[in-house]
Amino acid sequence: MIRRVFKEINGFNFPIIDKTLSLDDKCRGEEIKHWLENNKHVERFVIIDDDSDMLEEQRIFFVKTTPEFGLTKPEILSIINILNKTR
């Protein structure tokens, strides 16, 4: 899926700078929280995932995809809207 994300977003000039580590005993939201705590320079971000186990405070940055359809135009528009907002 990461290749599709790069392909879809590439035309919008949004750099993808990294990805989270997999913390086997933690939910995705905890993995993202860990990454953000270790990357304080981040001003804006969006969470793109086909799983919904995010922390409550992360929901406004979250765009859910599906394995069947991946990243579609509505999700891309949501990503743009989130990234255009300030934190």
PDB file of N, CA and C in Angstrom:
ATOM      1  N   MET A   1       0.819  -1.191   0.000  1.00  0.00           N
ATOM      2  CA  MET A   1       0.000   0.000   0.000  1.00  0.00           C
ATOM      3  C   MET A   1       0.868   1.263   0.000  1.00  0.00           C
ATOM      4  N   ILE A   2       2.023   1.218   0.634  1.00  0.00           N
ATOM      5  CA  ILE A   2       2.860   2.419   0.719  1.00  0.00           C
ATOM      6  C   ILE A   2       3.255   2.909  -0.672  1.00  0.00           C
ATOM      7  N   ARG A   3       3.467   2.000  -1.609  1.00  0.00           N
ATOM      8  CA  ARG A   3       3.783   2.422  -2.984  1.00  0.00           C
ATOM      9  C   ARG A   3       2.621   3.190  -3.601  1.00  0.00           C
ATOM     10  N   ARG A   4       1.407   2.730  -3.349  1.00  0.00           N
ATOM     11  CA  ARG A   4       0.226   3.419  -3.884  1.00  0.00           C
ATOM     12  C   ARG A   4       0.104   4.803  -3.261  1.00  0.00           C
ATOM     13  N   VAL A   5       0.349   4.919  -1.977  1.00  0.00           N
ATOM     14  CA  VAL A   5       0.294   6.223  -1.311  1.00  0.00           C
ATOM     15  C   VAL A   5       1.290   7.174  -1.957  1.00  0.00           C
ATOM     16  N   PHE A   6       2.523   6.731  -2.147  1.00  0.00           N
ATOM     17  CA  PHE A   6       3.531   7.578  -2.795  1.00  0.00           C
ATOM     18  C   PHE A   6       3.051   8.014  -4.177  1.00  0.00           C
ATOM     19  N   LYS A   7       2.511   7.082  -4.937  1.00  0.00           N
ATOM     20  CA  LYS A   7       2.058   7.387  -6.288  1.00  0.00           C
ATOM     21  C   LYS A   7       0.910   8.396  -6.270  1.00  0.00           C
ATOM     22  N   GLU A   8      -0.089   8.204  -5.426  1.00  0.00           N
ATOM     23  CA  GLU A   8      -1.258   9.072  -5.374  1.00  0.00           C
ATOM     24  C   GLU A   8      -0.916  10.472  -4.876  1.00  0.00           C
ATOM     25  N   ILE A   9      -0.096  10.558  -3.852  1.00  0.00           N
ATOM     26  CA  ILE A   9       0.186  11.853  -3.226  1.00  0.00           C
ATOM     27  C   ILE A   9       1.292  12.607  -3.953  1.00  0.00           C
ATOM     28  N   ASN A  10       2.118  11.918  -4.683  1.00  0.00           N
ATOM     29  CA  ASN A  10       3.249  12.538  -5.346  1.00  0.00           C
ATOM     30  C   ASN A  10       2.859  13.773  -6.157  1.00  0.00           C
ATOM     31  N   GLY A  11       1.754  13.734  -6.862  1.00  0.00           N
ATOM     32  CA  GLY A  11       1.318  14.860  -7.670  1.00  0.00           C
ATOM     33  C   GLY A  11       0.940  16.084  -6.858  1.00  0.00           C
ATOM     34  N   PHE A  12       0.721  15.919  -5.553  1.00  0.00           N
ATOM     35  CA  PHE A  12       0.342  17.031  -4.695  1.00  0.00           C
ATOM     36  C   PHE A  12       1.529  17.632  -3.957  1.00  0.00           C
ATOM     37  N   ASN A  13       2.715  17.116  -4.167  1.00  0.00           N
ATOM     38  CA  ASN A  13       3.946  17.614  -3.547  1.00  0.00           C
ATOM     39  C   ASN A  13       3.922  17.571  -2.025  1.00  0.00           C
ATOM     40  N   PHE A  14       3.324  16.548  -1.443  1.00  0.00           N
ATOM     41  CA  PHE A  14       3.382  16.335  -0.003  1.00  0.00           C
ATOM     42  C   PHE A  14       4.472  15.321   0.270  1.00  0.00           C
ATOM     43  N   PRO A  15       5.539  15.739   0.919  1.00  0.00           N
ATOM     44  CA  PRO A  15       6.596  14.758   1.170  1.00  0.00           C
ATOM     45  C   PRO A  15       6.193  13.763   2.247  1.00  0.00           C
ATOM     46  N   ILE A  16       6.478  12.519   2.038  1.00  0.00           N
ATOM     47  CA  ILE A  16       6.323  11.499   3.064  1.00  0.00           C
ATOM     48  C   ILE A  16       7.713  11.279   3.621  1.00  0.00           C
ATOM     49  N   ILE A  17       7.904  11.612   4.896  1.00  0.00           N
ATOM     50  CA  ILE A  17       9.253  11.645   5.439  1.00  0.00           C
ATOM     51  C   ILE A  17       9.647  10.407   6.236  1.00  0.00           C
ATOM     52  N   ASP A  18       8.668   9.614   6.656  1.00  0.00           N
ATOM     53  CA  ASP A  18       9.018   8.479   7.500  1.00  0.00           C
ATOM     54  C   ASP A  18       7.780   7.626   7.717  1.00  0.00           C
ATOM     55  N   LYS A  19       7.931   6.566   8.478  1.00  0.00           N
ATOM     56  CA  LYS A  19       6.812   5.742   8.902  1.00  0.00           C
ATOM     57  C   LYS A  19       7.068   5.294  10.331  1.00  0.00           C
ATOM     58  N   THR A  20       6.040   4.831  10.997  1.00  0.00           N
ATOM     59  CA  THR A  20       6.173   4.422  12.392  1.00  0.00           C
ATOM     60  C   THR A  20       6.841   3.061  12.498  1.00  0.00           C
ATOM     61  N   LEU A  21       7.420   2.829  13.651  1.00  0.00           N
ATOM     62  CA  LEU A  21       7.911   1.497  13.976  1.00  0.00           C
ATOM     63  C   LEU A  21       6.722   0.644  14.379  1.00  0.00           C
ATOM     64  N   SER A  22       6.845  -0.651  14.249  1.00  0.00           N
ATOM     65  CA  SER A  22       5.804  -1.549  14.707  1.00  0.00           C
ATOM     66  C   SER A  22       6.120  -1.943  16.144  1.00  0.00           C
ATOM     67  N   LEU A  23       5.265  -1.509  17.064  1.00  0.00           N
ATOM     68  CA  LEU A  23       5.404  -1.874  18.473  1.00  0.00           C
ATOM     69  C   LEU A  23       4.359  -2.947  18.742  1.00  0.00           C
ATOM     70  N   ASP A  24       4.769  -4.184  18.707  1.00  0.00           N
ATOM     71  CA  ASP A  24       3.856  -5.330  18.695  1.00  0.00           C
ATOM     72  C   ASP A  24       2.789  -5.308  19.781  1.00  0.00           C
ATOM     73  N   ASP A  25       3.110  -4.809  20.946  1.00  0.00           N
ATOM     74  CA  ASP A  25       2.153  -4.841  22.048  1.00  0.00           C
ATOM     75  C   ASP A  25       1.324  -3.554  22.150  1.00  0.00           C
ATOM     76  N   LYS A  26       1.431  -2.661  21.183  1.00  0.00           N
ATOM     77  CA  LYS A  26       0.744  -1.369  21.230  1.00  0.00           C
ATOM     78  C   LYS A  26      -0.217  -1.224  20.055  1.00  0.00           C
ATOM     79  N   CYS A  27      -1.242  -0.383  20.244  1.00  0.00           N
ATOM     80  CA  CYS A  27      -2.144  -0.077  19.140  1.00  0.00           C
ATOM     81  C   CYS A  27      -1.467   0.931  18.206  1.00  0.00           C
ATOM     82  N   ARG A  28      -2.017   1.102  17.015  1.00  0.00           N
ATOM     83  CA  ARG A  28      -1.436   2.015  16.028  1.00  0.00           C
ATOM     84  C   ARG A  28      -1.311   3.423  16.596  1.00  0.00           C
ATOM     85  N   GLY A  29      -2.325   3.851  17.334  1.00  0.00           N
ATOM     86  CA  GLY A  29      -2.280   5.185  17.922  1.00  0.00           C
ATOM     87  C   GLY A  29      -1.086   5.375  18.841  1.00  0.00           C
ATOM     88  N   GLU A  30      -0.744   4.369  19.602  1.00  0.00           N
ATOM     89  CA  GLU A  30       0.422   4.431  20.483  1.00  0.00           C
ATOM     90  C   GLU A  30       1.714   4.486  19.674  1.00  0.00           C
ATOM     91  N   GLU A  31       1.771   3.730  18.577  1.00  0.00           N
ATOM     92  CA  GLU A  31       2.951   3.766  17.711  1.00  0.00           C
ATOM     93  C   GLU A  31       3.137   5.164  17.115  1.00  0.00           C
ATOM     94  N   ILE A  32       2.044   5.778  16.719  1.00  0.00           N
ATOM     95  CA  ILE A  32       2.095   7.132  16.143  1.00  0.00           C
ATOM     96  C   ILE A  32       2.485   8.143  17.206  1.00  0.00           C
ATOM     97  N   LYS A  33       1.911   8.011  18.388  1.00  0.00           N
ATOM     98  CA  LYS A  33       2.269   8.907  19.498  1.00  0.00           C
ATOM     99  C   LYS A  33       3.770   8.810  19.787  1.00  0.00           C
ATOM    100  N   HIS A  34       4.296   7.598  19.821  1.00  0.00           N
ATOM    101  CA  HIS A  34       5.729   7.374  20.049  1.00  0.00           C
ATOM    102  C   HIS A  34       6.555   8.082  18.980  1.00  0.00           C
ATOM    103  N   TRP A  35       6.149   7.942  17.708  1.00  0.00           N
ATOM    104  CA  TRP A  35       6.890   8.572  16.619  1.00  0.00           C
ATOM    105  C   TRP A  35       6.861  10.089  16.766  1.00  0.00           C
ATOM    106  N   LEU A  36       5.697  10.653  17.044  1.00  0.00           N
ATOM    107  CA  LEU A  36       5.586  12.108  17.176  1.00  0.00           C
ATOM    108  C   LEU A  36       6.405  12.645  18.347  1.00  0.00           C
ATOM    109  N   GLU A  37       6.438  11.904  19.444  1.00  0.00           N
ATOM    110  CA  GLU A  37       7.239  12.327  20.597  1.00  0.00           C
ATOM    111  C   GLU A  37       8.728  12.344  20.264  1.00  0.00           C
ATOM    112  N   ASN A  38       9.143  11.523  19.316  1.00  0.00           N
ATOM    113  CA  ASN A  38      10.553  11.456  18.926  1.00  0.00           C
ATOM    114  C   ASN A  38      10.876  12.302  17.699  1.00  0.00           C
ATOM    115  N   ASN A  39       9.901  13.026  17.203  1.00  0.00           N
ATOM    116  CA  ASN A  39      10.071  13.880  16.025  1.00  0.00           C
ATOM    117  C   ASN A  39       9.356  15.205  16.260  1.00  0.00           C
ATOM    118  N   LYS A  40       9.843  15.954  17.223  1.00  0.00           N
ATOM    119  CA  LYS A  40       9.197  17.202  17.668  1.00  0.00           C
ATOM    120  C   LYS A  40       9.160  18.284  16.593  1.00  0.00           C
ATOM    121  N   HIS A  41       9.954  18.156  15.551  1.00  0.00           N
ATOM    122  CA  HIS A  41      10.017  19.162  14.485  1.00  0.00           C
ATOM    123  C   HIS A  41       8.783  19.150  13.577  1.00  0.00           C
ATOM    124  N   VAL A  42       7.957  18.128  13.681  1.00  0.00           N
ATOM    125  CA  VAL A  42       6.801  17.980  12.790  1.00  0.00           C
ATOM    126  C   VAL A  42       5.767  19.061  13.090  1.00  0.00           C
ATOM    127  N   GLU A  43       5.399  19.821  12.062  1.00  0.00           N
ATOM    128  CA  GLU A  43       4.400  20.877  12.208  1.00  0.00           C
ATOM    129  C   GLU A  43       3.017  20.400  11.790  1.00  0.00           C
ATOM    130  N   ARG A  44       2.962  19.577  10.766  1.00  0.00           N
ATOM    131  CA  ARG A  44       1.693  19.051  10.260  1.00  0.00           C
ATOM    132  C   ARG A  44       1.879  17.584   9.910  1.00  0.00           C
ATOM    133  N   PHE A  45       0.805  16.836  10.075  1.00  0.00           N
ATOM    134  CA  PHE A  45       0.865  15.424   9.707  1.00  0.00           C
ATOM    135  C   PHE A  45      -0.546  14.918   9.442  1.00  0.00           C
ATOM    136  N   VAL A  46      -0.608  13.807   8.773  1.00  0.00           N
ATOM    137  CA  VAL A  46      -1.862  13.103   8.562  1.00  0.00           C
ATOM    138  C   VAL A  46      -1.595  11.626   8.804  1.00  0.00           C
ATOM    139  N   ILE A  47      -2.563  10.961   9.372  1.00  0.00           N
ATOM    140  CA  ILE A  47      -2.470   9.529   9.625  1.00  0.00           C
ATOM    141  C   ILE A  47      -3.341   8.830   8.578  1.00  0.00           C
ATOM    142  N   ILE A  48      -2.730   8.005   7.749  1.00  0.00           N
ATOM    143  CA  ILE A  48      -3.448   7.262   6.713  1.00  0.00           C
ATOM    144  C   ILE A  48      -3.318   5.790   7.054  1.00  0.00           C
ATOM    145  N   ASP A  49      -4.450   5.143   7.324  1.00  0.00           N
ATOM    146  CA  ASP A  49      -4.385   3.749   7.749  1.00  0.00           C
ATOM    147  C   ASP A  49      -5.705   3.056   7.444  1.00  0.00           C
ATOM    148  N   ASP A  50      -5.643   1.725   7.291  1.00  0.00           N
ATOM    149  CA  ASP A  50      -6.876   0.963   7.090  1.00  0.00           C
ATOM    150  C   ASP A  50      -7.371   0.352   8.395  1.00  0.00           C
ATOM    151  N   ASP A  51      -6.721   0.684   9.490  1.00  0.00           N
ATOM    152  CA  ASP A  51      -7.140   0.247  10.814  1.00  0.00           C
ATOM    153  C   ASP A  51      -7.528   1.485  11.613  1.00  0.00           C
ATOM    154  N   SER A  52      -8.468   1.341  12.522  1.00  0.00           N
ATOM    155  CA  SER A  52      -9.014   2.509  13.231  1.00  0.00           C
ATOM    156  C   SER A  52      -8.564   2.641  14.680  1.00  0.00           C
ATOM    157  N   ASP A  53      -7.543   1.928  15.090  1.00  0.00           N
ATOM    158  CA  ASP A  53      -7.159   1.963  16.501  1.00  0.00           C
ATOM    159  C   ASP A  53      -6.237   3.144  16.826  1.00  0.00           C
ATOM    160  N   MET A  54      -6.785   4.343  16.640  1.00  0.00           N
ATOM    161  CA  MET A  54      -6.072   5.589  16.937  1.00  0.00           C
ATOM    162  C   MET A  54      -6.473   6.088  18.319  1.00  0.00           C
ATOM    163  N   LEU A  55      -5.639   6.918  18.889  1.00  0.00           N
ATOM    164  CA  LEU A  55      -5.978   7.566  20.143  1.00  0.00           C
ATOM    165  C   LEU A  55      -6.990   8.672  19.858  1.00  0.00           C
ATOM    166  N   GLU A  56      -7.795   9.003  20.835  1.00  0.00           N
ATOM    167  CA  GLU A  56      -8.857   9.994  20.653  1.00  0.00           C
ATOM    168  C   GLU A  56      -8.330  11.309  20.081  1.00  0.00           C
ATOM    169  N   GLU A  57      -7.209  11.794  20.598  1.00  0.00           N
ATOM    170  CA  GLU A  57      -6.665  13.075  20.144  1.00  0.00           C
ATOM    171  C   GLU A  57      -6.100  13.020  18.714  1.00  0.00           C
ATOM    172  N   GLN A  58      -5.960  11.827  18.159  1.00  0.00           N
ATOM    173  CA  GLN A  58      -5.431  11.666  16.802  1.00  0.00           C
ATOM    174  C   GLN A  58      -6.526  11.616  15.744  1.00  0.00           C
ATOM    175  N   ARG A  59      -7.754  11.475  16.145  1.00  0.00           N
ATOM    176  CA  ARG A  59      -8.853  11.274  15.182  1.00  0.00           C
ATOM    177  C   ARG A  59      -8.983  12.416  14.174  1.00  0.00           C
ATOM    178  N   ILE A  60      -8.671  13.642  14.564  1.00  0.00           N
ATOM    179  CA  ILE A  60      -8.805  14.769  13.633  1.00  0.00           C
ATOM    180  C   ILE A  60      -7.727  14.753  12.546  1.00  0.00           C
ATOM    181  N   PHE A  61      -6.698  13.935  12.731  1.00  0.00           N
ATOM    182  CA  PHE A  61      -5.607  13.812  11.761  1.00  0.00           C
ATOM    183  C   PHE A  61      -5.683  12.499  10.972  1.00  0.00           C
ATOM    184  N   PHE A  62      -6.743  11.744  11.175  1.00  0.00           N
ATOM    185  CA  PHE A  62      -6.854  10.380  10.668  1.00  0.00           C
ATOM    186  C   PHE A  62      -7.734  10.290   9.418  1.00  0.00           C
ATOM    187  N   VAL A  63      -7.224   9.590   8.405  1.00  0.00           N
ATOM    188  CA  VAL A  63      -7.981   9.273   7.196  1.00  0.00           C
ATOM    189  C   VAL A  63      -7.961   7.754   7.049  1.00  0.00           C
ATOM    190  N   LYS A  64      -9.149   7.169   7.087  1.00  0.00           N
ATOM    191  CA  LYS A  64      -9.260   5.709   6.984  1.00  0.00           C
ATOM    192  C   LYS A  64      -9.363   5.290   5.519  1.00  0.00           C
ATOM    193  N   THR A  65      -8.568   4.298   5.174  1.00  0.00           N
ATOM    194  CA  THR A  65      -8.632   3.698   3.848  1.00  0.00           C
ATOM    195  C   THR A  65      -9.167   2.277   3.991  1.00  0.00           C
ATOM    196  N   THR A  66      -9.372   1.620   2.881  1.00  0.00           N
ATOM    197  CA  THR A  66      -9.783   0.218   2.912  1.00  0.00           C
ATOM    198  C   THR A  66      -8.813  -0.598   2.064  1.00  0.00           C
ATOM    199  N   PRO A  67      -8.586  -1.839   2.439  1.00  0.00           N
ATOM    200  CA  PRO A  67      -7.712  -2.688   1.624  1.00  0.00           C
ATOM    201  C   PRO A  67      -8.267  -2.901   0.215  1.00  0.00           C
ATOM    202  N   GLU A  68      -9.585  -2.884   0.078  1.00  0.00           N
ATOM    203  CA  GLU A  68     -10.200  -3.124  -1.230  1.00  0.00           C
ATOM    204  C   GLU A  68      -9.950  -1.985  -2.214  1.00  0.00           C
ATOM    205  N   PHE A  69     -10.051  -0.737  -1.726  1.00  0.00           N
ATOM    206  CA  PHE A  69      -9.981   0.413  -2.622  1.00  0.00           C
ATOM    207  C   PHE A  69      -8.749   1.283  -2.407  1.00  0.00           C
ATOM    208  N   GLY A  70      -8.064   1.111  -1.301  1.00  0.00           N
ATOM    209  CA  GLY A  70      -6.862   1.904  -1.038  1.00  0.00           C
ATOM    210  C   GLY A  70      -7.176   3.379  -0.903  1.00  0.00           C
ATOM    211  N   LEU A  71      -6.374   4.184  -1.518  1.00  0.00           N
ATOM    212  CA  LEU A  71      -6.485   5.634  -1.445  1.00  0.00           C
ATOM    213  C   LEU A  71      -7.313   6.139  -2.631  1.00  0.00           C
ATOM    214  N   THR A  72      -8.497   6.662  -2.332  1.00  0.00           N
ATOM    215  CA  THR A  72      -9.381   7.163  -3.379  1.00  0.00           C
ATOM    216  C   THR A  72      -9.465   8.690  -3.303  1.00  0.00           C
ATOM    217  N   LYS A  73     -10.128   9.280  -4.259  1.00  0.00           N
ATOM    218  CA  LYS A  73     -10.207  10.738  -4.312  1.00  0.00           C
ATOM    219  C   LYS A  73     -10.777  11.347  -3.017  1.00  0.00           C
ATOM    220  N   PRO A  74     -11.852  10.812  -2.428  1.00  0.00           N
ATOM    221  CA  PRO A  74     -12.331  11.402  -1.160  1.00  0.00           C
ATOM    222  C   PRO A  74     -11.275  11.399  -0.060  1.00  0.00           C
ATOM    223  N   GLU A  75     -10.500  10.319   0.032  1.00  0.00           N
ATOM    224  CA  GLU A  75      -9.438  10.267   1.041  1.00  0.00           C
ATOM    225  C   GLU A  75      -8.352  11.288   0.726  1.00  0.00           C
ATOM    226  N   ILE A  76      -8.000  11.422  -0.546  1.00  0.00           N
ATOM    227  CA  ILE A  76      -6.993  12.408  -0.934  1.00  0.00           C
ATOM    228  C   ILE A  76      -7.451  13.816  -0.573  1.00  0.00           C
ATOM    229  N   LEU A  77      -8.718  14.115  -0.799  1.00  0.00           N
ATOM    230  CA  LEU A  77      -9.248  15.433  -0.423  1.00  0.00           C
ATOM    231  C   LEU A  77      -9.209  15.640   1.089  1.00  0.00           C
ATOM    232  N   SER A  78      -9.517  14.601   1.848  1.00  0.00           N
ATOM    233  CA  SER A  78      -9.420  14.689   3.314  1.00  0.00           C
ATOM    234  C   SER A  78      -7.986  14.927   3.759  1.00  0.00           C
ATOM    235  N   ILE A  79      -7.040  14.251   3.120  1.00  0.00           N
ATOM    236  CA  ILE A  79      -5.618  14.437   3.430  1.00  0.00           C
ATOM    237  C   ILE A  79      -5.213  15.884   3.186  1.00  0.00           C
ATOM    238  N   ILE A  80      -5.622  16.427   2.059  1.00  0.00           N
ATOM    239  CA  ILE A  80      -5.302  17.817   1.733  1.00  0.00           C
ATOM    240  C   ILE A  80      -5.892  18.759   2.768  1.00  0.00           C
ATOM    241  N   ASN A  81      -7.137  18.538   3.155  1.00  0.00           N
ATOM    242  CA  ASN A  81      -7.788  19.395   4.157  1.00  0.00           C
ATOM    243  C   ASN A  81      -7.062  19.345   5.493  1.00  0.00           C
ATOM    244  N   ILE A  82      -6.687  18.158   5.923  1.00  0.00           N
ATOM    245  CA  ILE A  82      -5.978  18.023   7.197  1.00  0.00           C
ATOM    246  C   ILE A  82      -4.635  18.734   7.138  1.00  0.00           C
ATOM    247  N   LEU A  83      -3.890  18.549   6.062  1.00  0.00           N
ATOM    248  CA  LEU A  83      -2.562  19.150   5.963  1.00  0.00           C
ATOM    249  C   LEU A  83      -2.621  20.665   5.802  1.00  0.00           C
ATOM    250  N   ASN A  84      -3.721  21.180   5.319  1.00  0.00           N
ATOM    251  CA  ASN A  84      -3.863  22.618   5.181  1.00  0.00           C
ATOM    252  C   ASN A  84      -4.227  23.323   6.494  1.00  0.00           C
ATOM    253  N   LYS A  85      -4.641  22.575   7.495  1.00  0.00           N
ATOM    254  CA  LYS A  85      -4.978  23.125   8.803  1.00  0.00           C
ATOM    255  C   LYS A  85      -3.697  23.229   9.647  1.00  0.00           C
ATOM    256  N   THR A  86      -3.676  24.175  10.550  1.00  0.00           N
ATOM    257  CA  THR A  86      -2.535  24.268  11.461  1.00  0.00           C
ATOM    258  C   THR A  86      -2.821  23.435  12.684  1.00  0.00           C
ATOM    259  N   ARG A  87      -1.797  22.981  13.310  1.00  0.00           N
ATOM    260  CA  ARG A  87      -1.898  22.094  14.467  1.00  0.00           C
ATOM    261  C   ARG A  87      -2.297  22.830  15.708  1.00  0.00           C
TER     262      ARG A  87
END
